[in-house]
Amino acid sequence: MSQNTPMTEAMYYLLLSLIHPAHGYRLMQRVSEVSMGRISMGPGTLYGLLGKMEKEGYIRLEQQDERRKTYSLTDLGRDALKQEYQRLQTLVDDGRKAQVECL
């Protein structure tokens, strides 16, 4: 994922949910809470994204015991989240400027 490439919703909500370190099941709950139930992330999607994001340096394994792995954001992940938030905010602001009346 490059800095200029928009994130998928799943990636964005996962990073957003990792503002506070958490393990897999808790992350699935947070994604649902933060999206107000709009996004439901299953284990396959979650663990696939966790592996990809860890490999790319956006998150790190914080702690592991026999049952759980707890992940946290890296500085790179936090920066990527901020950039995506700003990109999304710009889209909304542009819509307001254009006075989109159909919304």
C-alpha atoms as a PDB file:
ATOM      1  CA  MET A   1       0.000   0.000   0.000  1.00  0.00           C
ATOM      2  CA  SER A   2       1.636   3.237  -1.074  1.00  0.00           C
ATOM      3  CA  GLN A   3       0.980   6.620   0.457  1.00  0.00           C
ATOM      4  CA  ASN A   4      -1.041   7.746  -2.561  1.00  0.00           C
ATOM      5  CA  THR A   5      -3.185   4.618  -2.801  1.00  0.00           C
ATOM      6  CA  PRO A   6      -6.566   4.843  -1.055  1.00  0.00           C
ATOM      7  CA  MET A   7      -7.182   2.198   1.591  1.00  0.00           C
ATOM      8  CA  THR A   8      -9.986  -0.297   1.448  1.00  0.00           C
ATOM      9  CA  GLU A   9     -12.683   0.158   4.065  1.00  0.00           C
ATOM     10  CA  ALA A  10     -11.478  -2.954   5.840  1.00  0.00           C
ATOM     11  CA  MET A  11      -7.913  -1.631   6.047  1.00  0.00           C
ATOM     12  CA  TYR A  12      -9.049   1.781   7.286  1.00  0.00           C
ATOM     13  CA  TYR A  13     -11.330   0.390   9.980  1.00  0.00           C
ATOM     14  CA  LEU A  14      -8.721  -2.105  11.102  1.00  0.00           C
ATOM     15  CA  LEU A  15      -6.090   0.623  11.557  1.00  0.00           C
ATOM     16  CA  LEU A  16      -8.692   2.811  13.250  1.00  0.00           C
ATOM     17  CA  SER A  17      -9.480  -0.058  15.619  1.00  0.00           C
ATOM     18  CA  LEU A  18      -5.801  -0.471  16.431  1.00  0.00           C
ATOM     19  CA  ILE A  19      -5.439   3.011  17.925  1.00  0.00           C
ATOM     20  CA  HIS A  20      -5.415   0.986  21.142  1.00  0.00           C
ATOM     21  CA  PRO A  21      -3.612  -2.394  21.015  1.00  0.00           C
ATOM     22  CA  ALA A  22      -5.946  -5.366  20.764  1.00  0.00           C
ATOM     23  CA  HIS A  23      -6.183  -9.040  19.885  1.00  0.00           C
ATOM     24  CA  GLY A  24      -8.086 -10.495  16.934  1.00  0.00           C
ATOM     25  CA  TYR A  25     -11.528 -11.080  18.448  1.00  0.00           C
ATOM     26  CA  ARG A  26     -11.515  -7.638  20.086  1.00  0.00           C
ATOM     27  CA  LEU A  27     -10.529  -6.072  16.759  1.00  0.00           C
ATOM     28  CA  MET A  28     -13.534  -7.673  15.046  1.00  0.00           C
ATOM     29  CA  GLN A  29     -15.742  -6.172  17.769  1.00  0.00           C
ATOM     30  CA  ARG A  30     -14.133  -2.725  17.471  1.00  0.00           C
ATOM     31  CA  VAL A  31     -14.517  -2.629  13.694  1.00  0.00           C
ATOM     32  CA  SER A  32     -18.225  -3.314  14.130  1.00  0.00           C
ATOM     33  CA  GLU A  33     -18.526  -0.721  16.933  1.00  0.00           C
ATOM     34  CA  VAL A  34     -16.592   2.021  15.130  1.00  0.00           C
ATOM     35  CA  SER A  35     -18.565   1.477  11.904  1.00  0.00           C
ATOM     36  CA  MET A  36     -21.819   1.348  13.895  1.00  0.00           C
ATOM     37  CA  GLY A  37     -22.468  -2.183  12.650  1.00  0.00           C
ATOM     38  CA  ARG A  38     -21.989  -1.338   8.989  1.00  0.00           C
ATOM     39  CA  ILE A  39     -18.777  -3.371   8.690  1.00  0.00           C
ATOM     40  CA  SER A  40     -18.612  -6.932   9.947  1.00  0.00           C
ATOM     41  CA  MET A  41     -15.137  -8.394   9.586  1.00  0.00           C
ATOM     42  CA  GLY A  42     -14.732 -12.150   9.654  1.00  0.00           C
ATOM     43  CA  PRO A  43     -11.637 -14.024  10.824  1.00  0.00           C
ATOM     44  CA  GLY A  44     -10.367 -14.719   7.293  1.00  0.00           C
ATOM     45  CA  THR A  45     -10.406 -11.046   6.308  1.00  0.00           C
ATOM     46  CA  LEU A  46      -9.040  -9.932   9.667  1.00  0.00           C
ATOM     47  CA  TYR A  47      -6.088 -12.294   9.831  1.00  0.00           C
ATOM     48  CA  GLY A  48      -5.272 -11.801   6.154  1.00  0.00           C
ATOM     49  CA  LEU A  49      -5.113  -8.036   6.685  1.00  0.00           C
ATOM     50  CA  LEU A  50      -3.168  -8.356   9.932  1.00  0.00           C
ATOM     51  CA  GLY A  51      -0.530 -10.438   8.161  1.00  0.00           C
ATOM     52  CA  LYS A  52      -0.330  -8.027   5.222  1.00  0.00           C
ATOM     53  CA  MET A  53      -0.171  -4.934   7.415  1.00  0.00           C
ATOM     54  CA  GLU A  54       2.429  -6.460   9.712  1.00  0.00           C
ATOM     55  CA  LYS A  55       4.586  -7.378   6.707  1.00  0.00           C
ATOM     56  CA  GLU A  56       4.277  -3.810   5.353  1.00  0.00           C
ATOM     57  CA  GLY A  57       5.218  -2.310   8.722  1.00  0.00           C
ATOM     58  CA  TYR A  58       1.885  -0.660   9.594  1.00  0.00           C
ATOM     59  CA  ILE A  59       1.320  -2.808  12.676  1.00  0.00           C
ATOM     60  CA  ARG A  60       3.434  -4.979  14.949  1.00  0.00           C
ATOM     61  CA  LEU A  61       2.856  -7.960  17.157  1.00  0.00           C
ATOM     62  CA  GLU A  62       2.842  -6.441  20.623  1.00  0.00           C
ATOM     63  CA  GLN A  63       2.316  -9.527  22.739  1.00  0.00           C
ATOM     64  CA  GLN A  64       1.593 -13.206  22.251  1.00  0.00           C
ATOM     65  CA  ASP A  65       0.433 -15.897  24.626  1.00  0.00           C
ATOM     66  CA  GLU A  66      -0.840 -19.383  23.900  1.00  0.00           C
ATOM     67  CA  ARG A  67      -4.303 -18.151  22.897  1.00  0.00           C
ATOM     68  CA  ARG A  68      -3.960 -14.555  21.660  1.00  0.00           C
ATOM     69  CA  LYS A  69      -1.808 -12.240  19.633  1.00  0.00           C
ATOM     70  CA  THR A  70      -2.099  -8.558  20.495  1.00  0.00           C
ATOM     71  CA  TYR A  71      -1.267  -6.050  17.765  1.00  0.00           C
ATOM     72  CA  SER A  72      -0.534  -2.329  17.836  1.00  0.00           C
ATOM     73  CA  LEU A  73       0.054   0.458  15.331  1.00  0.00           C
ATOM     74  CA  THR A  74       3.553   1.449  14.340  1.00  0.00           C
ATOM     75  CA  ASP A  75       4.452   5.069  13.618  1.00  0.00           C
ATOM     76  CA  LEU A  76       4.126   4.219   9.913  1.00  0.00           C
ATOM     77  CA  GLY A  77       0.643   2.805  10.512  1.00  0.00           C
ATOM     78  CA  ARG A  78      -0.411   5.853  12.518  1.00  0.00           C
ATOM     79  CA  ASP A  79       0.828   8.152   9.728  1.00  0.00           C
ATOM     80  CA  ALA A  80      -1.007   6.091   7.094  1.00  0.00           C
ATOM     81  CA  LEU A  81      -4.208   6.287   9.138  1.00  0.00           C
ATOM     82  CA  LYS A  82      -3.882  10.068   9.476  1.00  0.00           C
ATOM     83  CA  GLN A  83      -3.268  10.462   5.746  1.00  0.00           C
ATOM     84  CA  GLU A  84      -6.286   8.337   4.862  1.00  0.00           C
ATOM     85  CA  TYR A  85      -8.464  10.250   7.328  1.00  0.00           C
ATOM     86  CA  GLN A  86      -7.365  13.538   5.750  1.00  0.00           C
ATOM     87  CA  ARG A  87      -8.013  12.149   2.248  1.00  0.00           C
ATOM     88  CA  LEU A  88     -11.527  11.107   3.228  1.00  0.00           C
ATOM     89  CA  GLN A  89     -12.162  14.443   4.931  1.00  0.00           C
ATOM     90  CA  THR A  90     -11.098  16.244   1.739  1.00  0.00           C
ATOM     91  CA  LEU A  91     -13.624  14.190  -0.258  1.00  0.00           C
ATOM     92  CA  VAL A  92     -16.410  15.185   2.125  1.00  0.00           C
ATOM     93  CA  ASP A  93     -15.317  18.836   2.118  1.00  0.00           C
ATOM     94  CA  ASP A  94     -15.246  18.874  -1.693  1.00  0.00           C
ATOM     95  CA  GLY A  95     -18.783  17.503  -1.741  1.00  0.00           C
ATOM     96  CA  ARG A  96     -19.909  20.300   0.560  1.00  0.00           C
ATOM     97  CA  LYS A  97     -18.186  22.911  -1.610  1.00  0.00           C
ATOM     98  CA  ALA A  98     -19.925  21.550  -4.669  1.00  0.00           C
ATOM     99  CA  GLN A  99     -23.203  21.874  -2.759  1.00  0.00           C
ATOM    100  CA  VAL A 100     -24.298  18.394  -3.582  1.00  0.00           C
ATOM    101  CA  GLU A 101     -28.059  18.738  -3.178  1.00  0.00           C
ATOM    102  CA  CYS A 102     -28.941  15.145  -3.880  1.00  0.00           C
ATOM    103  CA  LEU A 103     -27.433  14.120  -0.549  1.00  0.00           C
END
